[in-house]
Amino acid sequence: MSAQPKEAEDGMTVAEFLVWAEQRSGRWQLVDGRPVAMAPANRTHGALQNELGRLIGNALVENGAPCSVVADPGVVPRVLAHKNVRVPDLAVVCSGYVAEQATLSEPVVAIEILSPGDQSQTWSNVWTYTTIPTMQEIAVFETKTIGAKLLRRLPDGGWPEEPQTIASGDFVLKSVNVRFPVAAAYRTTRLSAVGAGG
C-alpha cells in the first residue's frame, strides 16, 4: 500500500503537502510535487547536527545578532516554489515573525549533513537553496571524515561553480559573523577520536 496521496500523481502543491504531511509521522519534504520520506538520522549525523546548532546558536548570541538557528525547517526555493518544500538540517534566519510559520521565510544560511545514502538528494537540495533570494551561504558537512564544503554567494549575486573545501582550521559564516574550528563540530562524534589521532 502506497503512502503517496492521490494528488501526487499530478504533483502536490506546497499547500496540499503541508496539510498532508501534518497528518503523517516522520519527516517529509516535497520534491517537484512529490512527497519524499526522510530517513532517521544515524548517531554521527544527529550528533553533528546538535553540535552545529549549538556552535552557531552560541556565536549568534555572543555577537548580539538578531538571528536564530532552526533545526529541520521547511524552506521554499524560488524555482518551482509551488511544488517544493525542502528540509535542510539547519538554517539561520535573521527576520522576525509574529505568527507561526509552516515554512521558514527568508533563510540566510542553510546547512546540510551528508549521509552516505542520500548524497544525490542532499546536493539536489543545495542547488535549490541557491534560488532563494535571501540565501547567502550553504554548507555541507561530511560524516565519513572531518570537513565541510561551503558555497558563498558572490558580490554579483551569483554562486561559485565549486564549493570551498574546509578540512581543518576555522569554519566561517561571513553573512552572520560566525566562526569556529571545523573540528569542534565533530566533538561528540566517532570522528573526534580519529581527528585527535586516536
Protein backbone atom coordinates (compact mmCIF):
# COMPACT_ATOMS: atom_id res chain seq x y z
CA MET A 1 0.00 0.00 0.00
CA SER A 2 1.47 3.33 -1.07
CA ALA A 3 1.83 6.24 1.32
CA GLN A 4 1.58 8.62 -1.64
CA PRO A 5 -1.56 10.76 -1.77
CA LYS A 6 -3.76 10.80 -4.87
CA GLU A 7 -2.79 14.42 -5.53
CA ALA A 8 0.85 13.36 -6.03
CA GLU A 9 0.01 11.82 -9.43
CA ASP A 10 -0.36 15.33 -10.88
CA GLY A 11 2.05 16.84 -8.38
CA MET A 12 1.18 18.23 -4.98
CA THR A 13 1.24 21.93 -4.25
CA VAL A 14 3.00 23.28 -1.18
CA ALA A 15 -0.36 24.00 0.49
CA GLU A 16 -1.59 20.43 -0.16
CA PHE A 17 1.68 18.97 1.05
CA LEU A 18 1.70 20.92 4.33
CA VAL A 19 -1.81 19.65 5.18
CA TRP A 20 -0.90 16.09 4.12
CA ALA A 21 2.45 15.98 5.99
CA GLU A 22 0.88 17.24 9.21
CA GLN A 23 -1.18 14.03 9.34
CA ARG A 24 1.84 11.75 8.84
CA SER A 25 4.54 10.55 11.19
CA GLY A 26 8.19 11.01 10.32
CA ARG A 27 9.81 13.77 8.31
CA TRP A 28 8.88 14.54 4.72
CA GLN A 29 9.90 17.02 2.07
CA LEU A 30 8.20 17.95 -1.19
CA VAL A 31 10.41 17.48 -4.26
CA ASP A 32 8.92 18.76 -7.51
CA GLY A 33 5.38 17.95 -6.33
CA ARG A 34 6.26 14.53 -4.91
CA PRO A 35 6.38 13.81 -1.14
CA VAL A 36 9.66 12.15 -0.17
CA ALA A 37 10.21 10.48 3.21
CA MET A 38 13.40 11.37 5.06
CA ALA A 39 15.26 8.59 6.88
CA PRO A 40 16.05 8.94 10.58
CA ALA A 41 19.49 10.39 11.29
CA ASN A 42 22.26 8.00 12.34
CA ARG A 43 24.23 8.79 15.50
CA THR A 44 27.02 10.73 13.77
CA HIS A 45 24.53 12.77 11.74
CA GLY A 46 22.42 13.58 14.82
CA ALA A 47 25.42 14.47 16.98
CA LEU A 48 26.86 16.69 14.27
CA GLN A 49 23.52 18.44 13.78
CA ASN A 50 23.27 19.17 17.51
CA GLU A 51 26.87 20.42 17.80
CA LEU A 52 26.50 22.66 14.76
CA GLY A 53 23.25 24.08 16.13
CA ARG A 54 24.92 24.77 19.47
CA LEU A 55 28.06 26.34 17.98
CA ILE A 56 26.13 28.56 15.58
CA GLY A 57 23.49 29.48 18.15
CA ASN A 58 26.08 30.38 20.79
CA ALA A 59 28.02 32.51 18.31
CA LEU A 60 24.85 34.37 17.30
CA VAL A 61 24.09 35.13 20.95
CA GLU A 62 27.67 36.24 21.68
CA ASN A 63 27.63 38.55 18.65
CA GLY A 64 24.26 40.01 19.57
CA ALA A 65 22.96 39.05 16.13
CA PRO A 66 19.19 39.31 15.57
CA CYS A 67 19.31 35.82 14.07
CA SER A 68 18.40 32.32 15.17
CA VAL A 69 19.32 28.82 14.11
CA VAL A 70 16.43 26.44 13.34
CA ALA A 71 16.63 22.65 13.08
CA ASP A 72 14.88 20.79 10.23
CA PRO A 73 12.96 23.78 8.84
CA GLY A 74 10.93 23.65 5.66
CA VAL A 75 12.23 26.13 3.09
CA VAL A 76 10.65 27.01 -0.25
CA PRO A 77 13.01 27.64 -3.20
CA ARG A 78 12.31 30.36 -5.77
CA VAL A 79 12.28 27.89 -8.70
CA LEU A 80 9.07 25.78 -8.79
CA ALA A 81 8.12 27.37 -5.48
CA HIS A 82 4.57 25.98 -5.59
CA LYS A 83 5.87 22.37 -5.83
CA ASN A 84 8.83 22.28 -3.41
CA VAL A 85 9.44 22.31 0.33
CA ARG A 86 12.99 21.22 1.08
CA VAL A 87 14.26 20.46 4.58
CA PRO A 88 17.88 21.34 5.45
CA ASP A 89 19.34 20.01 8.68
CA LEU A 90 19.78 23.57 9.95
CA ALA A 91 19.06 27.07 8.73
CA VAL A 92 19.78 30.55 10.04
CA VAL A 93 17.14 33.23 9.74
CA CYS A 94 17.52 36.89 10.71
CA SER A 95 13.97 38.13 10.10
CA GLY A 96 11.44 38.25 12.90
CA TYR A 97 7.96 36.75 12.89
CA VAL A 98 4.73 37.09 14.84
CA ALA A 99 2.52 34.25 13.61
CA GLU A 100 3.76 30.66 13.49
CA GLN A 101 5.24 29.77 10.11
CA ALA A 102 4.78 26.44 8.34
CA THR A 103 7.93 27.11 6.33
CA LEU A 104 10.91 29.31 7.14
CA SER A 105 10.82 32.63 5.34
CA GLU A 106 13.98 34.45 4.29
CA PRO A 107 16.69 31.95 5.37
CA VAL A 108 20.22 33.37 5.16
CA VAL A 109 22.21 30.15 5.75
CA ALA A 110 21.38 26.50 5.06
CA ILE A 111 23.38 23.58 6.42
CA GLU A 112 23.15 20.00 5.25
CA ILE A 113 24.85 16.95 6.74
CA LEU A 114 25.94 14.50 4.09
CA SER A 115 25.00 10.90 4.85
CA PRO A 116 26.34 8.18 2.53
CA GLY A 117 22.87 7.05 1.42
CA ASP A 118 21.43 10.43 0.44
CA GLN A 119 24.22 12.29 -1.37
CA SER A 120 22.25 12.95 -4.57
CA GLN A 121 19.22 14.26 -2.65
CA THR A 122 21.44 16.43 -0.43
CA TRP A 123 23.12 18.08 -3.43
CA SER A 124 19.76 18.44 -5.18
CA ASN A 125 18.57 20.36 -2.10
CA VAL A 126 21.71 22.50 -2.12
CA TRP A 127 21.13 23.65 -5.69
CA THR A 128 17.50 24.55 -4.89
CA TYR A 129 18.67 26.66 -1.92
CA THR A 130 20.74 28.78 -4.31
CA THR A 131 17.48 30.03 -5.87
CA ILE A 132 16.31 31.59 -2.58
CA PRO A 133 16.97 35.35 -2.85
CA THR A 134 17.92 35.81 0.83
CA MET A 135 20.30 32.81 0.93
CA GLN A 136 23.93 33.86 1.41
CA GLU A 137 25.80 30.70 2.42
CA ILE A 138 25.22 26.97 2.13
CA ALA A 139 27.37 24.37 3.87
CA VAL A 140 27.50 20.60 3.54
CA PHE A 141 29.25 18.76 6.40
CA GLU A 142 30.81 15.33 5.87
CA THR A 143 30.04 12.30 8.06
CA LYS A 144 32.85 9.99 6.89
CA THR A 145 35.61 12.46 7.69
CA ILE A 146 36.00 15.83 9.39
CA GLY A 147 35.30 18.61 6.93
CA ALA A 148 32.75 20.69 5.06
CA LYS A 149 32.07 22.21 1.68
CA LEU A 150 30.90 25.83 1.65
CA LEU A 151 29.17 27.85 -1.04
CA ARG A 152 29.06 31.63 -0.53
CA ARG A 153 27.04 33.99 -2.73
CA LEU A 154 29.28 36.17 -4.90
CA PRO A 155 29.14 40.01 -4.89
CA ASP A 156 27.28 39.94 -8.22
CA GLY A 157 24.55 37.76 -6.69
CA GLY A 158 25.65 34.54 -8.38
CA TRP A 159 27.21 31.45 -6.88
CA PRO A 160 30.68 29.93 -7.37
CA GLU A 161 30.98 26.95 -9.69
CA GLU A 162 32.64 24.84 -6.98
CA PRO A 163 32.29 24.91 -3.19
CA GLN A 164 35.21 25.77 -0.93
CA THR A 165 36.55 22.71 0.93
CA ILE A 166 37.27 23.17 4.64
CA ALA A 167 39.12 20.21 6.15
CA SER A 168 40.90 22.00 9.01
CA GLY A 169 41.12 25.39 10.64
CA ASP A 170 38.10 27.63 11.12
CA PHE A 171 34.67 27.29 9.57
CA VAL A 172 33.34 30.79 8.87
CA LEU A 173 29.85 32.01 8.01
CA LYS A 174 30.54 35.61 6.99
CA SER A 175 26.89 36.53 6.50
CA VAL A 176 26.07 36.03 10.18
CA ASN A 177 29.55 36.62 11.70
CA VAL A 178 30.00 33.04 12.95
CA ARG A 179 33.40 31.36 13.30
CA PHE A 180 34.51 28.14 15.00
CA PRO A 181 37.07 25.38 14.38
CA VAL A 182 35.58 22.89 11.92
CA ALA A 183 36.78 20.03 14.17
CA ALA A 184 34.69 21.43 17.06
CA ALA A 185 31.51 20.43 15.22
CA TYR A 186 32.62 16.79 15.46
CA ARG A 187 33.27 16.89 19.24
CA THR A 188 30.63 14.27 20.12
CA THR A 189 31.06 12.05 17.06
CA ARG A 190 33.24 8.96 16.49
CA LEU A 191 35.39 11.15 14.21
CA SER A 192 36.58 13.27 17.15
CA ALA A 193 38.94 10.49 18.30
CA VAL A 194 40.16 9.98 14.73
CA GLY A 195 40.91 13.67 14.35
CA ALA A 196 42.80 13.63 17.66
CA GLY A 197 44.90 10.72 16.47
CA GLY A 198 43.02 8.09 18.50
